[in-house]
Amino acid sequence: MKEAYAEALALRKVAADLGVTFIVNDRCDLALAVDADGVHLGQGDLPYELARKVMGREKLIGLSTHNAEQVREADRLQPDYIGFGPIFKPGSKQDHDPVVGIDGLKAIRPLTRLPIFAIGGITVDHVGDVMNAGANGVAVISAILTAPDVRKAVSDFVAARPSPAS
């Protein structure tokens, strides 16, 4: 716990220095302890309603979703955003939910007006297709963490974002 706190605090400082949003995965206590901007919850984490009580109204809360039923429930709850996927086979998880593909993303887009972040196996080559299928953004782990040059990988993802006019 102490190590997680130290790591999160260091990341919080970097995010603040860069002026970017800092979200902690799964852990409301850790998010509050480091004054993160919010928390992202999986289906097996603290229920949204309780997390909202803990985090307060000013903090962001996102929910992972993996199918239409979970998207509909998230839409009812109204978190700040949802993650949806895995779109492709994740490189960071062996025990993942079934892959939904681009067609799965297209199918759930009409179910909610919430911002959707595509998750699972996203590479820089997928960004355009995923955004065109209805995602508002992407969440990436392996494509960054396993890259030989992390800075270049991050820059490539930023450059791959479609412009607002497209």
C-alpha atoms as a PDB file:
ATOM      1  CA  MET A   1       0.000   0.000   0.000  1.00  0.00           C
ATOM      2  CA  LYS A   2       2.778   2.418   0.911  1.00  0.00           C
ATOM      3  CA  GLU A   3       4.553   1.695  -2.380  1.00  0.00           C
ATOM      4  CA  ALA A   4       1.363   2.234  -4.389  1.00  0.00           C
ATOM      5  CA  TYR A   5       0.847   5.547  -2.608  1.00  0.00           C
ATOM      6  CA  ALA A   6       4.419   6.701  -3.341  1.00  0.00           C
ATOM      7  CA  GLU A   7       4.086   5.742  -7.020  1.00  0.00           C
ATOM      8  CA  ALA A   8       0.687   7.400  -7.364  1.00  0.00           C
ATOM      9  CA  LEU A   9       1.926  10.555  -5.667  1.00  0.00           C
ATOM     10  CA  ALA A  10       4.863  10.789  -8.086  1.00  0.00           C
ATOM     11  CA  LEU A  11       2.545  10.272 -11.069  1.00  0.00           C
ATOM     12  CA  ARG A  12       0.131  12.857  -9.663  1.00  0.00           C
ATOM     13  CA  LYS A  13       2.929  15.405  -9.565  1.00  0.00           C
ATOM     14  CA  VAL A  14       3.956  14.667 -13.156  1.00  0.00           C
ATOM     15  CA  ALA A  15       0.340  14.956 -14.333  1.00  0.00           C
ATOM     16  CA  ALA A  16      -0.096  18.256 -12.475  1.00  0.00           C
ATOM     17  CA  ASP A  17       3.139  19.619 -13.947  1.00  0.00           C
ATOM     18  CA  LEU A  18       1.916  18.684 -17.437  1.00  0.00           C
ATOM     19  CA  GLY A  19      -1.609  19.957 -16.826  1.00  0.00           C
ATOM     20  CA  VAL A  20      -3.209  16.605 -17.661  1.00  0.00           C
ATOM     21  CA  THR A  21      -5.982  14.646 -15.978  1.00  0.00           C
ATOM     22  CA  PHE A  22      -4.832  11.964 -13.538  1.00  0.00           C
ATOM     23  CA  ILE A  23      -7.155   8.990 -12.966  1.00  0.00           C
ATOM     24  CA  VAL A  24      -6.382   6.153 -10.537  1.00  0.00           C
ATOM     25  CA  ASN A  25      -7.537   2.669 -11.511  1.00  0.00           C
ATOM     26  CA  ASP A  26      -9.820   0.759  -9.117  1.00  0.00           C
ATOM     27  CA  ARG A  27      -8.880   2.507  -5.857  1.00  0.00           C
ATOM     28  CA  CYS A  28     -10.989   5.376  -4.483  1.00  0.00           C
ATOM     29  CA  ASP A  29      -8.884   5.515  -1.315  1.00  0.00           C
ATOM     30  CA  LEU A  30      -5.670   5.946  -3.270  1.00  0.00           C
ATOM     31  CA  ALA A  31      -7.271   8.459  -5.649  1.00  0.00           C
ATOM     32  CA  LEU A  32      -8.358  10.612  -2.715  1.00  0.00           C
ATOM     33  CA  ALA A  33      -5.059  10.208  -0.878  1.00  0.00           C
ATOM     34  CA  VAL A  34      -3.103  11.699  -3.807  1.00  0.00           C
ATOM     35  CA  ASP A  35      -5.836  14.151  -4.843  1.00  0.00           C
ATOM     36  CA  ALA A  36      -6.277  12.472  -8.225  1.00  0.00           C
ATOM     37  CA  ASP A  37      -8.789  13.944 -10.639  1.00  0.00           C
ATOM     38  CA  GLY A  38     -10.812  10.750 -10.445  1.00  0.00           C
ATOM     39  CA  VAL A  39     -11.027   7.000 -10.379  1.00  0.00           C
ATOM     40  CA  HIS A  40     -11.803   4.342 -12.973  1.00  0.00           C
ATOM     41  CA  LEU A  41     -13.870   1.378 -11.776  1.00  0.00           C
ATOM     42  CA  GLY A  42     -14.118  -2.108 -13.207  1.00  0.00           C
ATOM     43  CA  GLN A  43     -17.211  -4.271 -12.983  1.00  0.00           C
ATOM     44  CA  GLY A  44     -15.873  -5.982  -9.851  1.00  0.00           C
ATOM     45  CA  ASP A  45     -14.838  -2.812  -8.029  1.00  0.00           C
ATOM     46  CA  LEU A  46     -16.733  -0.615  -5.575  1.00  0.00           C
ATOM     47  CA  PRO A  47     -20.249   0.040  -6.967  1.00  0.00           C
ATOM     48  CA  TYR A  48     -20.625   3.387  -8.715  1.00  0.00           C
ATOM     49  CA  GLU A  49     -23.123   4.825  -6.209  1.00  0.00           C
ATOM     50  CA  LEU A  50     -20.777   4.154  -3.283  1.00  0.00           C
ATOM     51  CA  ALA A  51     -17.763   5.415  -5.204  1.00  0.00           C
ATOM     52  CA  ARG A  52     -19.619   8.655  -5.936  1.00  0.00           C
ATOM     53  CA  LYS A  53     -20.339   9.096  -2.206  1.00  0.00           C
ATOM     54  CA  VAL A  54     -16.670   8.512  -1.407  1.00  0.00           C
ATOM     55  CA  MET A  55     -15.241  10.615  -4.247  1.00  0.00           C
ATOM     56  CA  GLY A  56     -17.764  13.452  -4.167  1.00  0.00           C
ATOM     57  CA  ARG A  57     -19.309  15.263  -7.130  1.00  0.00           C
ATOM     58  CA  GLU A  58     -16.172  17.153  -8.177  1.00  0.00           C
ATOM     59  CA  LYS A  59     -14.080  14.052  -8.962  1.00  0.00           C
ATOM     60  CA  LEU A  60     -14.342  12.085 -12.215  1.00  0.00           C
ATOM     61  CA  ILE A  61     -15.552   8.506 -12.189  1.00  0.00           C
ATOM     62  CA  GLY A  62     -15.348   6.174 -15.161  1.00  0.00           C
ATOM     63  CA  LEU A  63     -16.777   2.672 -15.503  1.00  0.00           C
ATOM     64  CA  SER A  64     -15.510  -0.265 -17.528  1.00  0.00           C
ATOM     65  CA  THR A  65     -18.155  -1.914 -19.690  1.00  0.00           C
ATOM     66  CA  HIS A  66     -17.933  -5.000 -21.871  1.00  0.00           C
ATOM     67  CA  ASN A  67     -21.384  -5.511 -23.375  1.00  0.00           C
ATOM     68  CA  ALA A  68     -24.632  -3.732 -24.226  1.00  0.00           C
ATOM     69  CA  GLU A  69     -26.276  -4.521 -20.868  1.00  0.00           C
ATOM     70  CA  GLN A  70     -23.380  -2.948 -18.952  1.00  0.00           C
ATOM     71  CA  VAL A  71     -23.423   0.097 -21.246  1.00  0.00           C
ATOM     72  CA  ARG A  72     -27.156   0.565 -20.617  1.00  0.00           C
ATOM     73  CA  GLU A  73     -26.576   0.300 -16.849  1.00  0.00           C
ATOM     74  CA  ALA A  74     -23.710   2.799 -17.044  1.00  0.00           C
ATOM     75  CA  ASP A  75     -25.947   5.149 -19.004  1.00  0.00           C
ATOM     76  CA  ARG A  76     -28.539   4.901 -16.218  1.00  0.00           C
ATOM     77  CA  LEU A  77     -25.889   5.635 -13.561  1.00  0.00           C
ATOM     78  CA  GLN A  78     -24.332   8.520 -15.536  1.00  0.00           C
ATOM     79  CA  PRO A  79     -20.626   8.298 -14.681  1.00  0.00           C
ATOM     80  CA  ASP A  80     -18.382  10.872 -16.319  1.00  0.00           C
ATOM     81  CA  TYR A  81     -17.292   8.394 -19.015  1.00  0.00           C
ATOM     82  CA  ILE A  82     -17.182   4.692 -19.814  1.00  0.00           C
ATOM     83  CA  GLY A  83     -14.454   2.416 -21.024  1.00  0.00           C
ATOM     84  CA  PHE A  84     -15.672  -0.185 -23.519  1.00  0.00           C
ATOM     85  CA  GLY A  85     -13.946  -3.304 -24.718  1.00  0.00           C
ATOM     86  CA  PRO A  86     -11.806  -5.158 -25.161  1.00  0.00           C
ATOM     87  CA  ILE A  87     -11.951  -4.034 -28.746  1.00  0.00           C
ATOM     88  CA  PHE A  88      -8.984  -6.264 -29.624  1.00  0.00           C
ATOM     89  CA  LYS A  89      -7.073  -8.919 -27.667  1.00  0.00           C
ATOM     90  CA  PRO A  90      -5.404  -7.104 -24.759  1.00  0.00           C
ATOM     91  CA  GLY A  91      -1.679  -7.464 -24.344  1.00  0.00           C
ATOM     92  CA  SER A  92      -1.837  -6.676 -20.630  1.00  0.00           C
ATOM     93  CA  LYS A  93      -4.485  -9.198 -19.472  1.00  0.00           C
ATOM     94  CA  GLN A  94      -4.801 -12.936 -19.932  1.00  0.00           C
ATOM     95  CA  ASP A  95      -8.213 -13.227 -18.230  1.00  0.00           C
ATOM     96  CA  HIS A  96     -10.108 -10.594 -20.212  1.00  0.00           C
ATOM     97  CA  ASP A  97     -13.725 -10.367 -21.266  1.00  0.00           C
ATOM     98  CA  PRO A  98     -14.629 -11.523 -24.789  1.00  0.00           C
ATOM     99  CA  VAL A  99     -13.223  -9.344 -27.575  1.00  0.00           C
ATOM    100  CA  VAL A 100     -15.991  -7.135 -29.009  1.00  0.00           C
ATOM    101  CA  GLY A 101     -14.231  -5.733 -32.078  1.00  0.00           C
ATOM    102  CA  ILE A 102     -14.970  -2.564 -34.009  1.00  0.00           C
ATOM    103  CA  ASP A 103     -18.481  -3.835 -34.760  1.00  0.00           C
ATOM    104  CA  GLY A 104     -19.195  -4.232 -31.037  1.00  0.00           C
ATOM    105  CA  LEU A 105     -18.154  -0.622 -30.479  1.00  0.00           C
ATOM    106  CA  LYS A 106     -20.367   0.564 -33.332  1.00  0.00           C
ATOM    107  CA  ALA A 107     -23.290  -1.411 -31.889  1.00  0.00           C
ATOM    108  CA  ILE A 108     -23.135   0.182 -28.424  1.00  0.00           C
ATOM    109  CA  ARG A 109     -22.460   3.778 -29.496  1.00  0.00           C
ATOM    110  CA  PRO A 110     -26.197   4.544 -29.937  1.00  0.00           C
ATOM    111  CA  LEU A 111     -26.920   3.264 -26.399  1.00  0.00           C
ATOM    112  CA  THR A 112     -25.361   6.231 -24.609  1.00  0.00           C
ATOM    113  CA  ARG A 113     -24.339   9.849 -24.971  1.00  0.00           C
ATOM    114  CA  LEU A 114     -21.573   9.333 -22.391  1.00  0.00           C
ATOM    115  CA  PRO A 115     -18.013   9.680 -23.648  1.00  0.00           C
ATOM    116  CA  ILE A 116     -16.666   6.253 -24.600  1.00  0.00           C
ATOM    117  CA  PHE A 117     -13.002   5.311 -24.354  1.00  0.00           C
ATOM    118  CA  ALA A 118     -12.115   2.180 -26.298  1.00  0.00           C
ATOM    119  CA  ILE A 119      -9.972  -0.286 -24.343  1.00  0.00           C
ATOM    120  CA  GLY A 120      -8.180  -3.509 -25.099  1.00  0.00           C
ATOM    121  CA  GLY A 121      -5.375  -4.170 -27.539  1.00  0.00           C
ATOM    122  CA  ILE A 122      -5.402  -0.671 -29.032  1.00  0.00           C
ATOM    123  CA  THR A 123      -2.371   0.172 -31.143  1.00  0.00           C
ATOM    124  CA  VAL A 124      -1.597   3.440 -32.877  1.00  0.00           C
ATOM    125  CA  ASP A 125      -2.750   1.851 -36.149  1.00  0.00           C
ATOM    126  CA  HIS A 126      -6.228   1.285 -34.646  1.00  0.00           C
ATOM    127  CA  VAL A 127      -6.901   4.821 -33.428  1.00  0.00           C
ATOM    128  CA  GLY A 128      -8.607   6.108 -36.592  1.00  0.00           C
ATOM    129  CA  ASP A 129     -10.863   3.058 -36.967  1.00  0.00           C
ATOM    130  CA  VAL A 130     -11.812   3.100 -33.283  1.00  0.00           C
ATOM    131  CA  MET A 131     -12.622   6.815 -33.320  1.00  0.00           C
ATOM    132  CA  ASN A 132     -14.609   6.427 -36.551  1.00  0.00           C
ATOM    133  CA  ALA A 133     -16.599   3.621 -34.884  1.00  0.00           C
ATOM    134  CA  GLY A 134     -17.800   6.024 -32.191  1.00  0.00           C
ATOM    135  CA  ALA A 135     -15.139   6.179 -29.473  1.00  0.00           C
ATOM    136  CA  ASN A 136     -14.295   9.571 -28.007  1.00  0.00           C
ATOM    137  CA  GLY A 137     -10.810   8.369 -27.123  1.00  0.00           C
ATOM    138  CA  VAL A 138      -8.653   5.346 -26.408  1.00  0.00           C
ATOM    139  CA  ALA A 139      -7.099   3.839 -23.296  1.00  0.00           C
ATOM    140  CA  VAL A 140      -3.739   2.201 -23.867  1.00  0.00           C
ATOM    141  CA  ILE A 141      -1.432   0.084 -21.747  1.00  0.00           C
ATOM    142  CA  SER A 142       0.681  -2.429 -23.682  1.00  0.00           C
ATOM    143  CA  ALA A 143       1.280  -0.316 -26.769  1.00  0.00           C
ATOM    144  CA  ILE A 144       2.967   2.238 -24.525  1.00  0.00           C
ATOM    145  CA  LEU A 145       4.575   0.119 -21.812  1.00  0.00           C
ATOM    146  CA  THR A 146       6.110  -2.419 -24.205  1.00  0.00           C
ATOM    147  CA  ALA A 147       7.298   0.171 -26.737  1.00  0.00           C
ATOM    148  CA  PRO A 148      11.067   0.401 -27.217  1.00  0.00           C
ATOM    149  CA  ASP A 149      10.730   4.198 -27.021  1.00  0.00           C
ATOM    150  CA  VAL A 150       7.888   5.205 -24.684  1.00  0.00           C
ATOM    151  CA  ARG A 151       8.107   8.926 -25.512  1.00  0.00           C
ATOM    152  CA  LYS A 152       7.829   8.204 -29.235  1.00  0.00           C
ATOM    153  CA  ALA A 153       4.918   5.814 -28.640  1.00  0.00           C
ATOM    154  CA  VAL A 154       3.032   8.471 -26.666  1.00  0.00           C
ATOM    155  CA  SER A 155       3.782  11.084 -29.340  1.00  0.00           C
ATOM    156  CA  ASP A 156       2.552   8.709 -32.045  1.00  0.00           C
ATOM    157  CA  PHE A 157      -0.753   8.204 -30.193  1.00  0.00           C
ATOM    158  CA  VAL A 158      -1.231  11.930 -29.723  1.00  0.00           C
ATOM    159  CA  ALA A 159      -0.516  12.519 -33.429  1.00  0.00           C
ATOM    160  CA  ALA A 160      -2.967   9.743 -34.413  1.00  0.00           C
ATOM    161  CA  ARG A 161      -5.954  11.542 -32.886  1.00  0.00           C
ATOM    162  CA  PRO A 162      -8.327  12.743 -35.583  1.00  0.00           C
ATOM    163  CA  SER A 163      -8.657  16.507 -35.672  1.00  0.00           C
ATOM    164  CA  PRO A 164     -11.979  17.965 -34.452  1.00  0.00           C
ATOM    165  CA  ALA A 165     -12.866  18.884 -38.034  1.00  0.00           C
ATOM    166  CA  SER A 166     -12.659  15.283 -39.258  1.00  0.00           C
END
